[in-house]
Amino acid sequence: MFTINPFAALSEALPAGAMQTYVILMVLAVFAGTLFDIIHKGSAKYFFANLQRSKSKAARQVDGGEMMSIAIKTGVVDVLASGEFCNVRRRIAHLLTMYGFLIYVITTAIMVFAYPTPAIPTPGILPLLWWIGGLMICLGGYWFWFFIRVDVAAEGNSPLRIMRADLFILSLLASVTLGLIWAFLQANGGAFSGLTFGLYILATTVLFGSVAWSKFAHMFFKPAAAFEKRMSEANGTNQNLPTQTRDDPEQQKRHSMELLQNAPMDMGLGIKREKPHHY
């Protein structure tokens, strides 16, 4: 089951070109949705304007070599390692979902376009990676949804509470979960494989077709925002934020001591302290 290309087996019921056309349409939907989001929100305009403003107010000039170093650091730390997450659990869940999504999407595209029918044998590693990527998404996504979300873990809200901002993660989990169930049923001759496939296509269409209204396009903005932040720190503007306590260790130490001295011992929680929840 884990080494069977589910899309090749599907060609017995649908023409191979049908799935290829669908994948192309989804790619175009992502491109169009992201472009609409950029134009509607003015994200690109904001980042370029902010970068120019930072350069004009810079306390020091950043040369090409340092800029390249900042770009590499941004790619390695902020993008590949999700360095913006201070919470270890949140970072692990994000990395599982991100890399699982990349593996899942890439192997899907390869199997659909390069091995569309059983006549072209699919290397066993591709379906295996497809399953691994899907399971990584489920592990990271469901872990985040039920145990890590701020409004659930910290504010005590129900994990079943749904907002528009949840469209991306819910449609992603629905698409991948239904895809794995469909592949399992198809490989084992399940009676509901056709119905599950239809739901899988529906959830996937919502995932890629709702880019303009979900957080999907956010993944394209984060690297630009991280790079701009590092550039502002390097040229001294620091996004117009105060830097004295960060740059001066002695001032930082004095500031921390003042906070400790002025804070009530029980922090409003009584004599016995508890782990911060439901704030």
Protein backbone atom coordinates (compact mmCIF):
# COMPACT_ATOMS: atom_id res chain seq x y z
CA MET A 1 0.00 0.00 0.00
CA PHE A 2 2.76 2.46 0.91
CA THR A 3 4.60 1.83 -2.37
CA ILE A 4 1.56 2.09 -4.69
CA ASN A 5 1.01 5.27 -6.68
CA PRO A 6 -2.66 6.11 -5.94
CA PHE A 7 -2.88 8.51 -8.87
CA ALA A 8 -1.72 5.87 -11.36
CA ALA A 9 -4.39 3.47 -10.10
CA LEU A 10 -6.92 6.27 -10.48
CA SER A 11 -6.26 6.36 -14.24
CA GLU A 12 -8.51 3.30 -14.62
CA ALA A 13 -11.50 5.52 -13.77
CA LEU A 14 -10.27 8.94 -14.95
CA PRO A 15 -8.03 9.96 -17.88
CA ALA A 16 -4.50 10.73 -16.72
CA GLY A 17 -4.81 14.18 -18.24
CA ALA A 18 -7.72 15.01 -15.92
CA MET A 19 -5.55 14.96 -12.78
CA GLN A 20 -2.75 16.79 -14.59
CA THR A 21 -5.17 19.53 -15.64
CA TYR A 22 -6.51 19.75 -12.09
CA VAL A 23 -3.01 20.19 -10.63
CA ILE A 24 -2.24 22.95 -13.15
CA LEU A 25 -5.49 24.71 -12.24
CA MET A 26 -4.60 24.55 -8.55
CA VAL A 27 -1.16 26.06 -9.24
CA LEU A 28 -2.82 28.88 -11.18
CA ALA A 29 -5.29 29.36 -8.32
CA VAL A 30 -2.43 29.79 -5.85
CA PHE A 31 -0.67 32.25 -8.16
CA ALA A 32 -3.83 34.27 -8.78
CA GLY A 33 -4.87 34.22 -5.11
CA THR A 34 -1.44 35.34 -3.93
CA LEU A 35 -1.33 38.12 -6.53
CA PHE A 36 -4.79 39.30 -5.50
CA ASP A 37 -3.77 39.22 -1.84
CA ILE A 38 -0.64 41.28 -2.56
CA ILE A 39 -2.59 43.88 -4.54
CA HIS A 40 -5.54 43.99 -2.14
CA LYS A 41 -3.46 44.32 1.03
CA GLY A 42 -0.58 46.23 -0.55
CA SER A 43 1.92 43.86 1.10
CA ALA A 44 4.66 44.16 -1.51
CA LYS A 45 4.28 47.95 -1.64
CA TYR A 46 4.52 48.11 2.16
CA PHE A 47 7.66 45.96 2.37
CA PHE A 48 9.49 47.86 -0.39
CA ALA A 49 8.51 51.23 1.09
CA ASN A 50 9.58 50.11 4.55
CA LEU A 51 12.90 48.86 3.17
CA GLN A 52 13.54 52.19 1.42
CA ARG A 53 12.57 54.11 4.56
CA SER A 54 14.95 51.99 6.59
CA LYS A 55 17.79 52.69 4.14
CA SER A 56 17.16 56.44 4.20
CA LYS A 57 17.31 56.57 8.02
CA ALA A 58 20.15 54.07 8.39
CA ALA A 59 22.82 54.85 10.99
CA ARG A 60 25.27 52.80 8.93
CA GLN A 61 25.34 51.45 5.39
CA VAL A 62 25.09 47.72 4.79
CA ASP A 63 27.40 46.60 1.97
CA GLY A 64 26.70 43.85 -0.54
CA GLY A 65 28.62 41.17 1.33
CA GLU A 66 26.80 41.81 4.59
CA MET A 67 23.47 41.94 2.76
CA MET A 68 24.20 38.54 1.22
CA SER A 69 25.10 37.19 4.66
CA ILE A 70 21.79 38.54 6.04
CA ALA A 71 19.88 36.95 3.16
CA ILE A 72 21.53 33.57 3.82
CA LYS A 73 20.89 33.84 7.56
CA THR A 74 17.26 34.71 6.86
CA GLY A 75 16.87 31.69 4.62
CA VAL A 76 18.55 29.27 7.01
CA VAL A 77 17.30 30.53 10.39
CA ASP A 78 13.95 32.21 9.70
CA VAL A 79 12.73 30.13 6.75
CA LEU A 80 14.28 26.65 6.93
CA ALA A 81 14.44 26.46 10.75
CA SER A 82 11.39 28.66 11.58
CA GLY A 83 13.55 30.69 13.94
CA GLU A 84 10.80 33.24 14.65
CA PHE A 85 9.04 30.74 16.93
CA CYS A 86 10.40 30.94 20.48
CA ASN A 87 8.08 28.19 21.71
CA VAL A 88 9.77 24.84 20.99
CA ARG A 89 6.51 22.90 20.58
CA ARG A 90 5.15 25.51 18.18
CA ARG A 91 8.34 25.40 16.13
CA ILE A 92 8.38 21.60 15.92
CA ALA A 93 4.72 21.49 14.89
CA HIS A 94 5.34 24.16 12.26
CA LEU A 95 8.41 22.36 10.87
CA LEU A 96 6.55 19.05 10.70
CA THR A 97 3.69 20.69 8.81
CA MET A 98 5.91 22.77 6.53
CA TYR A 99 8.30 20.02 5.46
CA GLY A 100 5.51 17.48 5.32
CA PHE A 101 3.59 19.81 2.99
CA LEU A 102 6.62 20.27 0.72
CA ILE A 103 7.25 16.51 0.51
CA TYR A 104 3.57 15.79 -0.03
CA VAL A 105 3.05 18.38 -2.79
CA ILE A 106 6.29 17.64 -4.65
CA THR A 107 5.72 13.87 -4.69
CA THR A 108 2.10 14.40 -5.74
CA ALA A 109 3.21 16.48 -8.73
CA ILE A 110 5.90 13.96 -9.72
CA MET A 111 3.52 11.00 -9.55
CA VAL A 112 0.73 12.80 -11.41
CA PHE A 113 2.92 14.07 -14.27
CA ALA A 114 5.77 11.56 -14.54
CA TYR A 115 3.98 8.32 -13.63
CA PRO A 116 0.31 8.91 -14.51
CA THR A 117 -0.62 5.29 -15.35
CA PRO A 118 0.37 1.79 -14.23
CA ALA A 119 2.05 1.35 -17.63
CA ILE A 120 4.87 3.56 -16.32
CA PRO A 121 6.09 1.90 -13.10
CA THR A 122 6.41 4.32 -10.21
CA PRO A 123 9.54 4.05 -8.03
CA GLY A 124 8.42 2.80 -4.62
CA ILE A 125 10.17 5.65 -2.83
CA LEU A 126 7.76 8.26 -4.25
CA PRO A 127 4.50 6.86 -2.78
CA LEU A 128 6.36 6.16 0.46
CA LEU A 129 7.52 9.78 0.69
CA TRP A 130 3.96 10.87 -0.19
CA TRP A 131 2.64 8.93 2.80
CA ILE A 132 5.40 10.21 5.08
CA GLY A 133 4.75 13.82 4.02
CA GLY A 134 1.01 13.43 4.58
CA LEU A 135 1.49 11.88 8.01
CA MET A 136 3.91 14.67 8.97
CA ILE A 137 1.24 17.23 8.06
CA CYS A 138 -1.35 15.39 10.13
CA LEU A 139 0.99 15.07 13.12
CA GLY A 140 2.05 18.72 13.11
CA GLY A 141 -1.36 20.08 12.11
CA TYR A 142 -3.54 18.19 14.58
CA TRP A 143 -1.01 18.74 17.34
CA PHE A 144 -1.18 22.47 16.68
CA TRP A 145 -4.97 22.52 16.35
CA PHE A 146 -5.85 20.65 19.54
CA PHE A 147 -2.95 21.49 21.89
CA ILE A 148 -0.87 24.48 20.81
CA ARG A 149 -3.24 27.15 19.46
CA VAL A 150 -3.14 30.23 21.69
CA ASP A 151 -6.93 30.53 22.02
CA VAL A 152 -7.11 26.87 23.09
CA ALA A 153 -3.93 26.32 25.13
CA ALA A 154 -3.77 29.74 26.80
CA GLU A 155 -7.24 31.24 26.68
CA GLY A 156 -9.20 28.09 27.44
CA ASN A 157 -11.45 28.18 24.37
CA SER A 158 -12.81 25.02 22.81
CA PRO A 159 -10.65 23.40 20.06
CA LEU A 160 -13.88 23.18 18.04
CA ARG A 161 -14.17 26.99 17.91
CA ILE A 162 -13.62 28.02 14.28
CA MET A 163 -12.76 31.43 12.82
CA ARG A 164 -12.02 32.59 9.28
CA ALA A 165 -8.31 32.61 10.09
CA ASP A 166 -8.55 28.83 10.55
CA LEU A 167 -9.52 28.26 6.91
CA PHE A 168 -6.00 27.34 5.80
CA ILE A 169 -5.12 24.84 8.51
CA LEU A 170 -8.54 23.19 8.46
CA SER A 171 -8.70 22.84 4.68
CA LEU A 172 -5.11 21.54 4.68
CA LEU A 173 -5.87 18.91 7.31
CA ALA A 174 -9.12 17.93 5.57
CA SER A 175 -7.39 17.61 2.18
CA VAL A 176 -4.47 15.54 3.41
CA THR A 177 -6.52 13.36 5.76
CA LEU A 178 -9.06 12.56 3.04
CA GLY A 179 -6.23 11.95 0.57
CA LEU A 180 -4.59 9.38 2.84
CA ILE A 181 -7.94 7.69 3.57
CA TRP A 182 -8.71 7.58 -0.16
CA ALA A 183 -5.31 6.03 -0.97
CA PHE A 184 -5.84 3.41 1.77
CA LEU A 185 -9.36 2.51 0.58
CA GLN A 186 -8.29 2.37 -3.05
CA ALA A 187 -5.33 0.11 -2.32
CA ASN A 188 -7.52 -2.24 -0.28
CA GLY A 189 -10.59 -2.18 -2.53
CA GLY A 190 -12.72 -0.14 -0.15
CA ALA A 191 -16.33 0.46 -1.17
CA PHE A 192 -16.25 4.19 -0.43
CA SER A 193 -13.02 5.07 -2.24
CA GLY A 194 -14.92 6.98 -4.96
CA LEU A 195 -16.83 9.08 -2.43
CA THR A 196 -13.67 9.76 -0.44
CA PHE A 197 -11.86 10.83 -3.59
CA GLY A 198 -14.64 13.32 -4.36
CA LEU A 199 -14.38 14.79 -0.85
CA TYR A 200 -10.59 14.86 -1.21
CA ILE A 201 -10.85 16.90 -4.42
CA LEU A 202 -13.40 19.23 -2.80
CA ALA A 203 -11.19 19.89 0.25
CA THR A 204 -8.12 20.37 -1.95
CA THR A 205 -10.00 22.85 -4.14
CA VAL A 206 -10.98 24.83 -1.03
CA LEU A 207 -7.36 24.77 0.17
CA PHE A 208 -5.81 26.14 -3.02
CA GLY A 209 -8.81 28.13 -4.19
CA SER A 210 -9.13 30.15 -0.99
CA VAL A 211 -5.60 31.56 -0.96
CA ALA A 212 -6.89 35.14 -1.13
CA TRP A 213 -8.95 34.63 2.05
CA SER A 214 -6.73 32.27 4.05
CA LYS A 215 -3.22 32.43 5.53
CA PHE A 216 -1.77 30.45 2.61
CA ALA A 217 -0.18 33.54 1.02
CA HIS A 218 1.40 34.32 4.39
CA MET A 219 4.20 31.85 3.65
CA PHE A 220 5.37 34.04 0.76
CA PHE A 221 5.45 37.21 2.90
CA LYS A 222 7.29 35.83 5.93
CA PRO A 223 10.75 35.59 4.29
CA ALA A 224 10.48 39.19 3.05
CA ALA A 225 9.41 40.42 6.49
CA ALA A 226 12.23 38.49 8.20
CA PHE A 227 14.81 39.87 5.76
CA GLU A 228 13.56 43.44 6.24
CA LYS A 229 13.73 43.03 10.02
CA ARG A 230 17.32 41.78 9.93
CA MET A 231 18.32 44.58 7.56
CA SER A 232 16.83 47.20 9.89
CA GLU A 233 18.77 45.72 12.80
CA ALA A 234 21.98 45.74 10.78
CA ASN A 235 21.69 49.36 9.61
CA GLY A 236 20.71 50.64 13.05
CA THR A 237 17.09 51.69 12.44
CA ASN A 238 15.69 48.56 14.13
CA GLN A 239 12.20 49.28 12.71
CA ASN A 240 12.03 52.42 14.89
CA LEU A 241 12.09 50.29 18.05
CA PRO A 242 14.24 51.15 21.11
CA THR A 243 17.61 49.40 21.18
CA GLN A 244 19.28 50.74 24.35
CA THR A 245 18.37 47.88 26.65
CA ARG A 246 19.29 45.30 24.04
CA ASP A 247 22.62 46.84 23.03
CA ASP A 248 23.78 47.80 26.55
CA PRO A 249 24.14 44.72 28.83
CA GLU A 250 24.36 46.82 31.98
CA GLN A 251 21.21 48.79 31.09
CA GLN A 252 19.45 45.53 30.26
CA LYS A 253 20.44 44.10 33.64
CA ARG A 254 19.23 47.17 35.53
CA HIS A 255 15.95 47.15 33.58
CA SER A 256 15.37 43.48 34.47
CA MET A 257 16.09 44.12 38.15
CA GLU A 258 13.62 47.02 38.20
CA LEU A 259 10.91 44.83 36.72
CA LEU A 260 11.53 42.14 39.35
CA GLN A 261 11.54 44.63 42.21
CA ASN A 262 8.32 46.34 41.12
CA ALA A 263 6.38 43.17 40.28
CA PRO A 264 4.12 41.68 42.97
CA MET A 265 5.40 38.38 44.30
CA ASP A 266 2.26 36.44 43.52
CA MET A 267 1.56 38.20 40.18
CA GLY A 268 -2.14 38.14 41.06
CA LEU A 269 -2.26 34.35 41.30
CA GLY A 270 -1.98 33.94 45.07
CA ILE A 271 0.99 32.54 46.99
CA LYS A 272 1.21 29.39 44.88
CA ARG A 273 2.37 30.13 41.32
CA GLU A 274 0.96 28.17 38.43
CA LYS A 275 1.95 27.65 34.83
CA PRO A 276 0.56 30.57 32.74
CA HIS A 277 -2.74 29.46 31.20
CA HIS A 278 -6.02 31.18 30.33
CA TYR A 279 -4.79 34.77 30.44
